[in-house]
Amino acid sequence: MNADDTLLNAVIGAVATIALSFTGISPVLGGALAGYLDGGDSGDGLRIGAISGAIASIPVVGFLLLVLLVLPFLGVFGFPLEVGIAAGGVVVFGVIVVVGGIAYTVALSALGGLLGVYLKEEL
């Protein structure tokens, strides 16, 4: 496997993950596409799927950071947050949501990568 092809396949899988986000299982589908395109064995499928999920997480993290950490402090929702305990709680909640979102996307994309390699071997 060529490293350039691996990165390209991971980006293609990430774009598919973002484009199919309305399905609810888009990380699995994007990871499966990346794994199918990359081929290899099961370890390669897990790796390419995880890379694809990590790339697909970049815009999701940016959006979540904007919504959870920036907009409440600007008073966009009609109520400004007080600096102190409430602001700290929002930051902790934001970090938990962002890390959970990344873990969800990477784990399901890795599973999809495994599935994609399996489908390539069987078809």
PDB file of N, CA and C in Angstrom:
ATOM      1  N   MET A   1       0.828  -1.185   0.000  1.00  0.00           N
ATOM      2  CA  MET A   1       0.000   0.000   0.000  1.00  0.00           C
ATOM      3  C   MET A   1       0.871   1.246   0.000  1.00  0.00           C
ATOM      4  N   ASN A   2       0.472   2.193  -0.784  1.00  0.00           N
ATOM      5  CA  ASN A   2       1.162   3.469  -0.848  1.00  0.00           C
ATOM      6  C   ASN A   2       0.529   4.422   0.154  1.00  0.00           C
ATOM      7  N   ALA A   3       1.344   5.163   0.882  1.00  0.00           N
ATOM      8  CA  ALA A   3       0.829   6.085   1.906  1.00  0.00           C
ATOM      9  C   ALA A   3      -0.017   7.184   1.280  1.00  0.00           C
ATOM     10  N   ASP A   4       0.321   7.619   0.077  1.00  0.00           N
ATOM     11  CA  ASP A   4      -0.467   8.650  -0.594  1.00  0.00           C
ATOM     12  C   ASP A   4      -1.863   8.134  -0.923  1.00  0.00           C
ATOM     13  N   ASP A   5      -1.932   6.890  -1.391  1.00  0.00           N
ATOM     14  CA  ASP A   5      -3.237   6.305  -1.686  1.00  0.00           C
ATOM     15  C   ASP A   5      -4.060   6.125  -0.414  1.00  0.00           C
ATOM     16  N   THR A   6      -3.413   5.767   0.665  1.00  0.00           N
ATOM     17  CA  THR A   6      -4.109   5.592   1.930  1.00  0.00           C
ATOM     18  C   THR A   6      -4.733   6.899   2.387  1.00  0.00           C
ATOM     19  N   LEU A   7      -3.983   7.975   2.317  1.00  0.00           N
ATOM     20  CA  LEU A   7      -4.514   9.277   2.714  1.00  0.00           C
ATOM     21  C   LEU A   7      -5.642   9.709   1.793  1.00  0.00           C
ATOM     22  N   LEU A   8      -5.489   9.495   0.493  1.00  0.00           N
ATOM     23  CA  LEU A   8      -6.538   9.845  -0.452  1.00  0.00           C
ATOM     24  C   LEU A   8      -7.805   9.041  -0.180  1.00  0.00           C
ATOM     25  N   ASN A   9      -7.655   7.743   0.066  1.00  0.00           N
ATOM     26  CA  ASN A   9      -8.812   6.907   0.369  1.00  0.00           C
ATOM     27  C   ASN A   9      -9.476   7.329   1.678  1.00  0.00           C
ATOM     28  N   ALA A  10      -8.678   7.733   2.647  1.00  0.00           N
ATOM     29  CA  ALA A  10      -9.236   8.204   3.917  1.00  0.00           C
ATOM     30  C   ALA A  10     -10.012   9.502   3.715  1.00  0.00           C
ATOM     31  N   VAL A  11      -9.498  10.388   2.894  1.00  0.00           N
ATOM     32  CA  VAL A  11     -10.205  11.643   2.609  1.00  0.00           C
ATOM     33  C   VAL A  11     -11.506  11.364   1.855  1.00  0.00           C
ATOM     34  N   ILE A  12     -11.476  10.440   0.909  1.00  0.00           N
ATOM     35  CA  ILE A  12     -12.697  10.070   0.181  1.00  0.00           C
ATOM     36  C   ILE A  12     -13.727   9.504   1.157  1.00  0.00           C
ATOM     37  N   GLY A  13     -13.296   8.655   2.082  1.00  0.00           N
ATOM     38  CA  GLY A  13     -14.209   8.117   3.089  1.00  0.00           C
ATOM     39  C   GLY A  13     -14.751   9.197   4.007  1.00  0.00           C
ATOM     40  N   ALA A  14     -13.906  10.176   4.366  1.00  0.00           N
ATOM     41  CA  ALA A  14     -14.350  11.277   5.226  1.00  0.00           C
ATOM     42  C   ALA A  14     -15.380  12.145   4.518  1.00  0.00           C
ATOM     43  N   VAL A  15     -15.157  12.413   3.236  1.00  0.00           N
ATOM     44  CA  VAL A  15     -16.132  13.195   2.464  1.00  0.00           C
ATOM     45  C   VAL A  15     -17.454  12.437   2.374  1.00  0.00           C
ATOM     46  N   ALA A  16     -17.379  11.132   2.180  1.00  0.00           N
ATOM     47  CA  ALA A  16     -18.599  10.327   2.147  1.00  0.00           C
ATOM     48  C   ALA A  16     -19.300  10.349   3.501  1.00  0.00           C
ATOM     49  N   THR A  17     -18.545  10.320   4.575  1.00  0.00           N
ATOM     50  CA  THR A  17     -19.132  10.389   5.916  1.00  0.00           C
ATOM     51  C   THR A  17     -19.895  11.692   6.102  1.00  0.00           C
ATOM     52  N   ILE A  18     -19.304  12.790   5.684  1.00  0.00           N
ATOM     53  CA  ILE A  18     -19.957  14.089   5.838  1.00  0.00           C
ATOM     54  C   ILE A  18     -21.157  14.197   4.907  1.00  0.00           C
ATOM     55  N   ALA A  19     -21.006  13.733   3.662  1.00  0.00           N
ATOM     56  CA  ALA A  19     -22.099  13.832   2.691  1.00  0.00           C
ATOM     57  C   ALA A  19     -23.290  12.959   3.074  1.00  0.00           C
ATOM     58  N   LEU A  20     -23.032  11.848   3.736  1.00  0.00           N
ATOM     59  CA  LEU A  20     -24.108  10.927   4.120  1.00  0.00           C
ATOM     60  C   LEU A  20     -24.534  11.098   5.574  1.00  0.00           C
ATOM     61  N   SER A  21     -24.236  12.239   6.154  1.00  0.00           N
ATOM     62  CA  SER A  21     -24.516  12.441   7.576  1.00  0.00           C
ATOM     63  C   SER A  21     -26.000  12.362   7.916  1.00  0.00           C
ATOM     64  N   PHE A  22     -26.865  12.543   6.943  1.00  0.00           N
ATOM     65  CA  PHE A  22     -28.302  12.449   7.198  1.00  0.00           C
ATOM     66  C   PHE A  22     -28.759  11.021   7.443  1.00  0.00           C
ATOM     67  N   THR A  23     -27.925  10.022   7.161  1.00  0.00           N
ATOM     68  CA  THR A  23     -28.343   8.635   7.308  1.00  0.00           C
ATOM     69  C   THR A  23     -28.282   8.126   8.743  1.00  0.00           C
ATOM     70  N   GLY A  24     -27.436   8.708   9.568  1.00  0.00           N
ATOM     71  CA  GLY A  24     -27.291   8.247  10.942  1.00  0.00           C
ATOM     72  C   GLY A  24     -26.194   7.209  11.112  1.00  0.00           C
ATOM     73  N   ILE A  25     -25.839   6.534  10.038  1.00  0.00           N
ATOM     74  CA  ILE A  25     -24.755   5.547  10.089  1.00  0.00           C
ATOM     75  C   ILE A  25     -23.637   5.962   9.138  1.00  0.00           C
ATOM     76  N   SER A  26     -23.518   7.235   8.905  1.00  0.00           N
ATOM     77  CA  SER A  26     -22.539   7.726   7.931  1.00  0.00           C
ATOM     78  C   SER A  26     -21.097   7.368   8.284  1.00  0.00           C
ATOM     79  N   PRO A  27     -20.681   7.331   9.567  1.00  0.00           N
ATOM     80  CA  PRO A  27     -19.295   6.913   9.825  1.00  0.00           C
ATOM     81  C   PRO A  27     -19.012   5.484   9.363  1.00  0.00           C
ATOM     82  N   VAL A  28     -19.980   4.612   9.501  1.00  0.00           N
ATOM     83  CA  VAL A  28     -19.798   3.231   9.050  1.00  0.00           C
ATOM     84  C   VAL A  28     -19.696   3.195   7.529  1.00  0.00           C
ATOM     85  N   LEU A  29     -20.561   3.952   6.849  1.00  0.00           N
ATOM     86  CA  LEU A  29     -20.546   3.962   5.390  1.00  0.00           C
ATOM     87  C   LEU A  29     -19.262   4.584   4.841  1.00  0.00           C
ATOM     88  N   GLY A  30     -18.825   5.702   5.417  1.00  0.00           N
ATOM     89  CA  GLY A  30     -17.590   6.339   4.973  1.00  0.00           C
ATOM     90  C   GLY A  30     -16.373   5.479   5.242  1.00  0.00           C
ATOM     91  N   GLY A  31     -16.330   4.858   6.412  1.00  0.00           N
ATOM     92  CA  GLY A  31     -15.227   3.956   6.735  1.00  0.00           C
ATOM     93  C   GLY A  31     -15.213   2.735   5.827  1.00  0.00           C
ATOM     94  N   ALA A  32     -16.412   2.220   5.500  1.00  0.00           N
ATOM     95  CA  ALA A  32     -16.499   1.070   4.602  1.00  0.00           C
ATOM     96  C   ALA A  32     -15.998   1.429   3.211  1.00  0.00           C
ATOM     97  N   LEU A  33     -16.331   2.621   2.741  1.00  0.00           N
ATOM     98  CA  LEU A  33     -15.841   3.061   1.439  1.00  0.00           C
ATOM     99  C   LEU A  33     -14.322   3.184   1.446  1.00  0.00           C
ATOM    100  N   ALA A  34     -13.775   3.791   2.487  1.00  0.00           N
ATOM    101  CA  ALA A  34     -12.324   3.930   2.590  1.00  0.00           C
ATOM    102  C   ALA A  34     -11.650   2.566   2.672  1.00  0.00           C
ATOM    103  N   GLY A  35     -12.201   1.658   3.469  1.00  0.00           N
ATOM    104  CA  GLY A  35     -11.637   0.314   3.590  1.00  0.00           C
ATOM    105  C   GLY A  35     -11.727  -0.467   2.298  1.00  0.00           C
ATOM    106  N   TYR A  36     -12.836  -0.313   1.590  1.00  0.00           N
ATOM    107  CA  TYR A  36     -13.012  -1.007   0.308  1.00  0.00           C
ATOM    108  C   TYR A  36     -11.999  -0.504  -0.718  1.00  0.00           C
ATOM    109  N   LEU A  37     -11.825   0.822  -0.771  1.00  0.00           N
ATOM    110  CA  LEU A  37     -10.887   1.391  -1.733  1.00  0.00           C
ATOM    111  C   LEU A  37      -9.438   1.037  -1.396  1.00  0.00           C
ATOM    112  N   ASP A  38      -9.117   0.979  -0.121  1.00  0.00           N
ATOM    113  CA  ASP A  38      -7.740   0.735   0.299  1.00  0.00           C
ATOM    114  C   ASP A  38      -7.370  -0.738   0.251  1.00  0.00           C
ATOM    115  N   GLY A  39      -8.311  -1.620   0.548  1.00  0.00           N
ATOM    116  CA  GLY A  39      -8.020  -3.048   0.537  1.00  0.00           C
ATOM    117  C   GLY A  39      -7.134  -3.447   1.698  1.00  0.00           C
ATOM    118  N   GLY A  40      -6.386  -4.525   1.524  1.00  0.00           N
ATOM    119  CA  GLY A  40      -5.488  -4.989   2.570  1.00  0.00           C
ATOM    120  C   GLY A  40      -6.148  -6.010   3.472  1.00  0.00           C
ATOM    121  N   ASP A  41      -5.612  -6.130   4.694  1.00  0.00           N
ATOM    122  CA  ASP A  41      -6.180  -7.077   5.648  1.00  0.00           C
ATOM    123  C   ASP A  41      -7.036  -6.335   6.671  1.00  0.00           C
ATOM    124  N   SER A  42      -7.487  -7.048   7.678  1.00  0.00           N
ATOM    125  CA  SER A  42      -8.402  -6.445   8.655  1.00  0.00           C
ATOM    126  C   SER A  42      -7.744  -5.311   9.444  1.00  0.00           C
ATOM    127  N   GLY A  43      -6.472  -5.445   9.759  1.00  0.00           N
ATOM    128  CA  GLY A  43      -5.767  -4.380  10.472  1.00  0.00           C
ATOM    129  C   GLY A  43      -5.685  -3.102   9.640  1.00  0.00           C
ATOM    130  N   ASP A  44      -5.463  -3.278   8.321  1.00  0.00           N
ATOM    131  CA  ASP A  44      -5.436  -2.119   7.436  1.00  0.00           C
ATOM    132  C   ASP A  44      -6.805  -1.463   7.350  1.00  0.00           C
ATOM    133  N   GLY A  45      -7.855  -2.274   7.349  1.00  0.00           N
ATOM    134  CA  GLY A  45      -9.213  -1.736   7.303  1.00  0.00           C
ATOM    135  C   GLY A  45      -9.548  -0.930   8.545  1.00  0.00           C
ATOM    136  N   LEU A  46      -9.154  -1.441   9.703  1.00  0.00           N
ATOM    137  CA  LEU A  46      -9.385  -0.691  10.938  1.00  0.00           C
ATOM    138  C   LEU A  46      -8.619   0.625  10.930  1.00  0.00           C
ATOM    139  N   ARG A  47      -7.377   0.578  10.448  1.00  0.00           N
ATOM    140  CA  ARG A  47      -6.543   1.777  10.429  1.00  0.00           C
ATOM    141  C   ARG A  47      -7.087   2.828   9.472  1.00  0.00           C
ATOM    142  N   ILE A  48      -7.420   2.434   8.245  1.00  0.00           N
ATOM    143  CA  ILE A  48      -7.906   3.397   7.261  1.00  0.00           C
ATOM    144  C   ILE A  48      -9.268   3.950   7.681  1.00  0.00           C
ATOM    145  N   GLY A  49     -10.100   3.111   8.286  1.00  0.00           N
ATOM    146  CA  GLY A  49     -11.390   3.590   8.775  1.00  0.00           C
ATOM    147  C   GLY A  49     -11.229   4.597   9.897  1.00  0.00           C
ATOM    148  N   ALA A  50     -10.307   4.336  10.807  1.00  0.00           N
ATOM    149  CA  ALA A  50     -10.070   5.270  11.915  1.00  0.00           C
ATOM    150  C   ALA A  50      -9.504   6.597  11.399  1.00  0.00           C
ATOM    151  N   ILE A  51      -8.610   6.538  10.416  1.00  0.00           N
ATOM    152  CA  ILE A  51      -8.069   7.770   9.837  1.00  0.00           C
ATOM    153  C   ILE A  51      -9.188   8.553   9.160  1.00  0.00           C
ATOM    154  N   SER A  52     -10.031   7.848   8.430  1.00  0.00           N
ATOM    155  CA  SER A  52     -11.164   8.496   7.769  1.00  0.00           C
ATOM    156  C   SER A  52     -12.099   9.154   8.789  1.00  0.00           C
ATOM    157  N   GLY A  53     -12.363   8.474   9.883  1.00  0.00           N
ATOM    158  CA  GLY A  53     -13.211   9.041  10.933  1.00  0.00           C
ATOM    159  C   GLY A  53     -12.593  10.250  11.594  1.00  0.00           C
ATOM    160  N   ALA A  54     -11.276  10.211  11.787  1.00  0.00           N
ATOM    161  CA  ALA A  54     -10.595  11.357  12.385  1.00  0.00           C
ATOM    162  C   ALA A  54     -10.652  12.572  11.463  1.00  0.00           C
ATOM    163  N   ILE A  55     -10.486  12.351  10.167  1.00  0.00           N
ATOM    164  CA  ILE A  55     -10.579  13.460   9.217  1.00  0.00           C
ATOM    165  C   ILE A  55     -12.009  13.994   9.170  1.00  0.00           C
ATOM    166  N   ALA A  56     -12.994  13.096   9.194  1.00  0.00           N
ATOM    167  CA  ALA A  56     -14.396  13.525   9.156  1.00  0.00           C
ATOM    168  C   ALA A  56     -14.791  14.262  10.428  1.00  0.00           C
ATOM    169  N   SER A  57     -14.078  14.040  11.516  1.00  0.00           N
ATOM    170  CA  SER A  57     -14.398  14.703  12.782  1.00  0.00           C
ATOM    171  C   SER A  57     -13.988  16.171  12.809  1.00  0.00           C
ATOM    172  N   ILE A  58     -13.100  16.577  11.931  1.00  0.00           N
ATOM    173  CA  ILE A  58     -12.591  17.951  11.964  1.00  0.00           C
ATOM    174  C   ILE A  58     -13.712  18.989  11.810  1.00  0.00           C
ATOM    175  N   PRO A  59     -14.581  18.897  10.796  1.00  0.00           N
ATOM    176  CA  PRO A  59     -15.652  19.898  10.713  1.00  0.00           C
ATOM    177  C   PRO A  59     -16.676  19.757  11.832  1.00  0.00           C
ATOM    178  N   VAL A  60     -16.891  18.549  12.297  1.00  0.00           N
ATOM    179  CA  VAL A  60     -17.837  18.335  13.395  1.00  0.00           C
ATOM    180  C   VAL A  60     -17.328  19.005  14.665  1.00  0.00           C
ATOM    181  N   VAL A  61     -16.049  18.859  14.944  1.00  0.00           N
ATOM    182  CA  VAL A  61     -15.450  19.483  16.125  1.00  0.00           C
ATOM    183  C   VAL A  61     -15.528  21.000  16.012  1.00  0.00           C
ATOM    184  N   GLY A  62     -15.243  21.522  14.839  1.00  0.00           N
ATOM    185  CA  GLY A  62     -15.334  22.967  14.652  1.00  0.00           C
ATOM    186  C   GLY A  62     -16.733  23.494  14.898  1.00  0.00           C
ATOM    187  N   PHE A  63     -17.720  22.807  14.390  1.00  0.00           N
ATOM    188  CA  PHE A  63     -19.113  23.227  14.592  1.00  0.00           C
ATOM    189  C   PHE A  63     -19.506  23.124  16.060  1.00  0.00           C
ATOM    190  N   LEU A  64     -19.155  22.020  16.708  1.00  0.00           N
ATOM    191  CA  LEU A  64     -19.503  21.852  18.118  1.00  0.00           C
ATOM    192  C   LEU A  64     -18.812  22.893  18.992  1.00  0.00           C
ATOM    193  N   LEU A  65     -17.568  23.180  18.694  1.00  0.00           N
ATOM    194  CA  LEU A  65     -16.869  24.209  19.461  1.00  0.00           C
ATOM    195  C   LEU A  65     -17.537  25.567  19.282  1.00  0.00           C
ATOM    196  N   LEU A  66     -17.961  25.865  18.086  1.00  0.00           N
ATOM    197  CA  LEU A  66     -18.647  27.126  17.841  1.00  0.00           C
ATOM    198  C   LEU A  66     -19.952  27.199  18.621  1.00  0.00           C
ATOM    199  N   VAL A  67     -20.738  26.157  18.530  1.00  0.00           N
ATOM    200  CA  VAL A  67     -22.054  26.162  19.176  1.00  0.00           C
ATOM    201  C   VAL A  67     -21.946  26.101  20.690  1.00  0.00           C
ATOM    202  N   LEU A  68     -21.097  25.232  21.213  1.00  0.00           N
ATOM    203  CA  LEU A  68     -21.070  24.999  22.650  1.00  0.00           C
ATOM    204  C   LEU A  68     -20.179  25.951  23.437  1.00  0.00           C
ATOM    205  N   LEU A  69     -19.160  26.492  22.806  1.00  0.00           N
ATOM    206  CA  LEU A  69     -18.205  27.275  23.576  1.00  0.00           C
ATOM    207  C   LEU A  69     -18.183  28.766  23.231  1.00  0.00           C
ATOM    208  N   VAL A  70     -18.539  29.126  22.030  1.00  0.00           N
ATOM    209  CA  VAL A  70     -18.431  30.522  21.639  1.00  0.00           C
ATOM    210  C   VAL A  70     -19.778  31.234  21.709  1.00  0.00           C
ATOM    211  N   LEU A  71     -20.790  30.673  21.078  1.00  0.00           N
ATOM    212  CA  LEU A  71     -22.079  31.364  20.997  1.00  0.00           C
ATOM    213  C   LEU A  71     -22.740  31.645  22.348  1.00  0.00           C
ATOM    214  N   PRO A  72     -22.682  30.756  23.325  1.00  0.00           N
ATOM    215  CA  PRO A  72     -23.310  31.098  24.612  1.00  0.00           C
ATOM    216  C   PRO A  72     -22.673  32.313  25.292  1.00  0.00           C
ATOM    217  N   PHE A  73     -21.388  32.513  25.091  1.00  0.00           N
ATOM    218  CA  PHE A  73     -20.724  33.651  25.718  1.00  0.00           C
ATOM    219  C   PHE A  73     -21.033  34.966  25.007  1.00  0.00           C
ATOM    220  N   LEU A  74     -21.520  34.895  23.800  1.00  0.00           N
ATOM    221  CA  LEU A  74     -21.872  36.096  23.052  1.00  0.00           C
ATOM    222  C   LEU A  74     -23.309  36.537  23.313  1.00  0.00           C
ATOM    223  N   GLY A  75     -24.065  35.733  24.019  1.00  0.00           N
ATOM    224  CA  GLY A  75     -25.458  36.065  24.305  1.00  0.00           C
ATOM    225  C   GLY A  75     -26.367  35.879  23.103  1.00  0.00           C
ATOM    226  N   VAL A  76     -25.971  35.045  22.163  1.00  0.00           N
ATOM    227  CA  VAL A  76     -26.743  34.840  20.940  1.00  0.00           C
ATOM    228  C   VAL A  76     -28.086  34.182  21.231  1.00  0.00           C
ATOM    229  N   PHE A  77     -28.150  33.359  22.237  1.00  0.00           N
ATOM    230  CA  PHE A  77     -29.371  32.636  22.539  1.00  0.00           C
ATOM    231  C   PHE A  77     -30.335  33.440  23.397  1.00  0.00           C
ATOM    232  N   GLY A  78     -30.059  34.704  23.589  1.00  0.00           N
ATOM    233  CA  GLY A  78     -30.958  35.559  24.349  1.00  0.00           C
ATOM    234  C   GLY A  78     -30.574  35.700  25.806  1.00  0.00           C
ATOM    235  N   PHE A  79     -29.601  34.969  26.274  1.00  0.00           N
ATOM    236  CA  PHE A  79     -29.176  35.084  27.664  1.00  0.00           C
ATOM    237  C   PHE A  79     -27.657  34.923  27.734  1.00  0.00           C
ATOM    238  N   PRO A  80     -26.971  35.900  28.246  1.00  0.00           N
ATOM    239  CA  PRO A  80     -25.518  35.740  28.391  1.00  0.00           C
ATOM    240  C   PRO A  80     -25.206  34.865  29.599  1.00  0.00           C
ATOM    241  N   LEU A  81     -24.182  34.076  29.481  1.00  0.00           N
ATOM    242  CA  LEU A  81     -23.755  33.245  30.603  1.00  0.00           C
ATOM    243  C   LEU A  81     -22.911  34.074  31.556  1.00  0.00           C
ATOM    244  N   GLU A  82     -23.099  33.853  32.801  1.00  0.00           N
ATOM    245  CA  GLU A  82     -22.273  34.509  33.814  1.00  0.00           C
ATOM    246  C   GLU A  82     -20.921  33.821  33.859  1.00  0.00           C
ATOM    247  N   VAL A  83     -19.896  34.590  34.049  1.00  0.00           N
ATOM    248  CA  VAL A  83     -18.571  34.009  34.186  1.00  0.00           C
ATOM    249  C   VAL A  83     -18.485  33.379  35.571  1.00  0.00           C
ATOM    250  N   GLY A  84     -17.998  32.186  35.630  1.00  0.00           N
ATOM    251  CA  GLY A  84     -17.895  31.502  36.915  1.00  0.00           C
ATOM    252  C   GLY A  84     -18.288  30.048  36.770  1.00  0.00           C
ATOM    253  N   ILE A  85     -19.125  29.582  37.689  1.00  0.00           N
ATOM    254  CA  ILE A  85     -19.499  28.169  37.720  1.00  0.00           C
ATOM    255  C   ILE A  85     -20.265  27.772  36.474  1.00  0.00           C
ATOM    256  N   ALA A  86     -21.213  28.598  36.022  1.00  0.00           N
ATOM    257  CA  ALA A  86     -22.000  28.246  34.843  1.00  0.00           C
ATOM    258  C   ALA A  86     -21.115  28.158  33.610  1.00  0.00           C
ATOM    259  N   ALA A  87     -20.197  29.091  33.455  1.00  0.00           N
ATOM    260  CA  ALA A  87     -19.303  29.068  32.301  1.00  0.00           C
ATOM    261  C   ALA A  87     -18.387  27.846  32.362  1.00  0.00           C
ATOM    262  N   GLY A  88     -17.896  27.511  33.527  1.00  0.00           N
ATOM    263  CA  GLY A  88     -17.052  26.326  33.675  1.00  0.00           C
ATOM    264  C   GLY A  88     -17.808  25.057  33.350  1.00  0.00           C
ATOM    265  N   GLY A  89     -19.065  25.006  33.748  1.00  0.00           N
ATOM    266  CA  GLY A  89     -19.891  23.842  33.434  1.00  0.00           C
ATOM    267  C   GLY A  89     -20.109  23.693  31.948  1.00  0.00           C
ATOM    268  N   VAL A  90     -20.282  24.807  31.257  1.00  0.00           N
ATOM    269  CA  VAL A  90     -20.464  24.763  29.812  1.00  0.00           C
ATOM    270  C   VAL A  90     -19.184  24.284  29.136  1.00  0.00           C
ATOM    271  N   VAL A  91     -18.050  24.720  29.621  1.00  0.00           N
ATOM    272  CA  VAL A  91     -16.774  24.296  29.043  1.00  0.00           C
ATOM    273  C   VAL A  91     -16.572  22.800  29.246  1.00  0.00           C
ATOM    274  N   VAL A  92     -16.826  22.313  30.444  1.00  0.00           N
ATOM    275  CA  VAL A  92     -16.677  20.877  30.718  1.00  0.00           C
ATOM    276  C   VAL A  92     -17.658  20.074  29.869  1.00  0.00           C
ATOM    277  N   PHE A  93     -18.897  20.524  29.780  1.00  0.00           N
ATOM    278  CA  PHE A  93     -19.888  19.850  28.955  1.00  0.00           C
ATOM    279  C   PHE A  93     -19.453  19.848  27.497  1.00  0.00           C
ATOM    280  N   GLY A  94     -18.923  20.980  27.025  1.00  0.00           N
ATOM    281  CA  GLY A  94     -18.462  21.071  25.643  1.00  0.00           C
ATOM    282  C   GLY A  94     -17.331  20.113  25.348  1.00  0.00           C
ATOM    283  N   VAL A  95     -16.391  20.006  26.266  1.00  0.00           N
ATOM    284  CA  VAL A  95     -15.268  19.084  26.077  1.00  0.00           C
ATOM    285  C   VAL A  95     -15.763  17.642  26.040  1.00  0.00           C
ATOM    286  N   ILE A  96     -16.681  17.297  26.914  1.00  0.00           N
ATOM    287  CA  ILE A  96     -17.226  15.940  26.941  1.00  0.00           C
ATOM    288  C   ILE A  96     -17.940  15.622  25.634  1.00  0.00           C
ATOM    289  N   VAL A  97     -18.732  16.552  25.144  1.00  0.00           N
ATOM    290  CA  VAL A  97     -19.468  16.331  23.896  1.00  0.00           C
ATOM    291  C   VAL A  97     -18.512  16.204  22.718  1.00  0.00           C
ATOM    292  N   VAL A  98     -17.506  17.051  22.652  1.00  0.00           N
ATOM    293  CA  VAL A  98     -16.549  17.010  21.542  1.00  0.00           C
ATOM    294  C   VAL A  98     -15.764  15.703  21.558  1.00  0.00           C
ATOM    295  N   VAL A  99     -15.239  15.302  22.704  1.00  0.00           N
ATOM    296  CA  VAL A  99     -14.470  14.055  22.796  1.00  0.00           C
ATOM    297  C   VAL A  99     -15.365  12.852  22.492  1.00  0.00           C
ATOM    298  N   GLY A 100     -16.590  12.874  22.989  1.00  0.00           N
ATOM    299  CA  GLY A 100     -17.523  11.784  22.690  1.00  0.00           C
ATOM    300  C   GLY A 100     -17.862  11.715  21.215  1.00  0.00           C
ATOM    301  N   GLY A 101     -18.032  12.864  20.585  1.00  0.00           N
ATOM    302  CA  GLY A 101     -18.325  12.890  19.153  1.00  0.00           C
ATOM    303  C   GLY A 101     -17.177  12.353  18.322  1.00  0.00           C
ATOM    304  N   ILE A 102     -15.971  12.711  18.702  1.00  0.00           N
ATOM    305  CA  ILE A 102     -14.795  12.197  17.994  1.00  0.00           C
ATOM    306  C   ILE A 102     -14.685  10.685  18.182  1.00  0.00           C
ATOM    307  N   ALA A 103     -14.849  10.217  19.411  1.00  0.00           N
ATOM    308  CA  ALA A 103     -14.749   8.779  19.679  1.00  0.00           C
ATOM    309  C   ALA A 103     -15.810   7.996  18.916  1.00  0.00           C
ATOM    310  N   TYR A 104     -17.027   8.515  18.873  1.00  0.00           N
ATOM    311  CA  TYR A 104     -18.126   7.884  18.140  1.00  0.00           C
ATOM    312  C   TYR A 104     -17.775   7.770  16.660  1.00  0.00           C
ATOM    313  N   THR A 105     -17.331   8.866  16.073  1.00  0.00           N
ATOM    314  CA  THR A 105     -17.035   8.881  14.646  1.00  0.00           C
ATOM    315  C   THR A 105     -15.855   7.981  14.305  1.00  0.00           C
ATOM    316  N   VAL A 106     -14.793   8.048  15.080  1.00  0.00           N
ATOM    317  CA  VAL A 106     -13.597   7.247  14.789  1.00  0.00           C
ATOM    318  C   VAL A 106     -13.886   5.758  14.984  1.00  0.00           C
ATOM    319  N   ALA A 107     -14.587   5.406  16.049  1.00  0.00           N
ATOM    320  CA  ALA A 107     -14.871   3.987  16.315  1.00  0.00           C
ATOM    321  C   ALA A 107     -15.778   3.384  15.241  1.00  0.00           C
ATOM    322  N   LEU A 108     -16.829   4.098  14.880  1.00  0.00           N
ATOM    323  CA  LEU A 108     -17.725   3.557  13.854  1.00  0.00           C
ATOM    324  C   LEU A 108     -17.068   3.547  12.481  1.00  0.00           C
ATOM    325  N   SER A 109     -16.210   4.509  12.197  1.00  0.00           N
ATOM    326  CA  SER A 109     -15.495   4.504  10.921  1.00  0.00           C
ATOM    327  C   SER A 109     -14.506   3.347  10.859  1.00  0.00           C
ATOM    328  N   ALA A 110     -13.848   3.042  11.965  1.00  0.00           N
ATOM    329  CA  ALA A 110     -12.938   1.896  11.999  1.00  0.00           C
ATOM    330  C   ALA A 110     -13.711   0.598  11.760  1.00  0.00           C
ATOM    331  N   LEU A 111     -14.884   0.488  12.364  1.00  0.00           N
ATOM    332  CA  LEU A 111     -15.734  -0.682  12.123  1.00  0.00           C
ATOM    333  C   LEU A 111     -16.133  -0.752  10.651  1.00  0.00           C
ATOM    334  N   GLY A 112     -16.469   0.394  10.076  1.00  0.00           N
ATOM    335  CA  GLY A 112     -16.798   0.436   8.658  1.00  0.00           C
ATOM    336  C   GLY A 112     -15.618   0.059   7.781  1.00  0.00           C
ATOM    337  N   GLY A 113     -14.414   0.496   8.152  1.00  0.00           N
ATOM    338  CA  GLY A 113     -13.221   0.116   7.404  1.00  0.00           C
ATOM    339  C   GLY A 113     -13.007  -1.382   7.407  1.00  0.00           C
ATOM    340  N   LEU A 114     -13.239  -1.998   8.536  1.00  0.00           N
ATOM    341  CA  LEU A 114     -13.155  -3.457   8.631  1.00  0.00           C
ATOM    342  C   LEU A 114     -14.183  -4.116   7.723  1.00  0.00           C
ATOM    343  N   LEU A 115     -15.380  -3.577   7.733  1.00  0.00           N
ATOM    344  CA  LEU A 115     -16.451  -4.095   6.873  1.00  0.00           C
ATOM    345  C   LEU A 115     -16.104  -3.916   5.394  1.00  0.00           C
ATOM    346  N   GLY A 116     -15.521  -2.776   5.028  1.00  0.00           N
ATOM    347  CA  GLY A 116     -15.142  -2.517   3.640  1.00  0.00           C
ATOM    348  C   GLY A 116     -14.085  -3.485   3.149  1.00  0.00           C
ATOM    349  N   VAL A 117     -13.099  -3.779   3.981  1.00  0.00           N
ATOM    350  CA  VAL A 117     -12.061  -4.744   3.592  1.00  0.00           C
ATOM    351  C   VAL A 117     -12.680  -6.127   3.426  1.00  0.00           C
ATOM    352  N   TYR A 118     -13.584  -6.482   4.318  1.00  0.00           N
ATOM    353  CA  TYR A 118     -14.263  -7.782   4.220  1.00  0.00           C
ATOM    354  C   TYR A 118     -15.055  -7.876   2.924  1.00  0.00           C
ATOM    355  N   LEU A 119     -15.777  -6.806   2.585  1.00  0.00           N
ATOM    356  CA  LEU A 119     -16.565  -6.818   1.341  1.00  0.00           C
ATOM    357  C   LEU A 119     -15.664  -6.899   0.122  1.00  0.00           C
ATOM    358  N   LYS A 120     -14.524  -6.240   0.139  1.00  0.00           N
ATOM    359  CA  LYS A 120     -13.613  -6.312  -1.003  1.00  0.00           C
ATOM    360  C   LYS A 120     -13.066  -7.717  -1.174  1.00  0.00           C
ATOM    361  N   GLU A 121     -12.783  -8.404  -0.061  1.00  0.00           N
ATOM    362  CA  GLU A 121     -12.277  -9.778  -0.143  1.00  0.00           C
ATOM    363  C   GLU A 121     -13.350 -10.738  -0.661  1.00  0.00           C
ATOM    364  N   GLU A 122     -14.598 -10.505  -0.266  1.00  0.00           N
ATOM    365  CA  GLU A 122     -15.673 -11.415  -0.619  1.00  0.00           C
ATOM    366  C   GLU A 122     -16.259 -11.156  -2.019  1.00  0.00           C
ATOM    367  N   LEU A 123     -16.156  -9.919  -2.492  1.00  0.00           N
ATOM    368  CA  LEU A 123     -16.748  -9.613  -3.793  1.00  0.00           C
ATOM    369  C   LEU A 123     -15.735  -9.716  -4.848  1.00  0.00           C
TER     370      LEU A 123
END
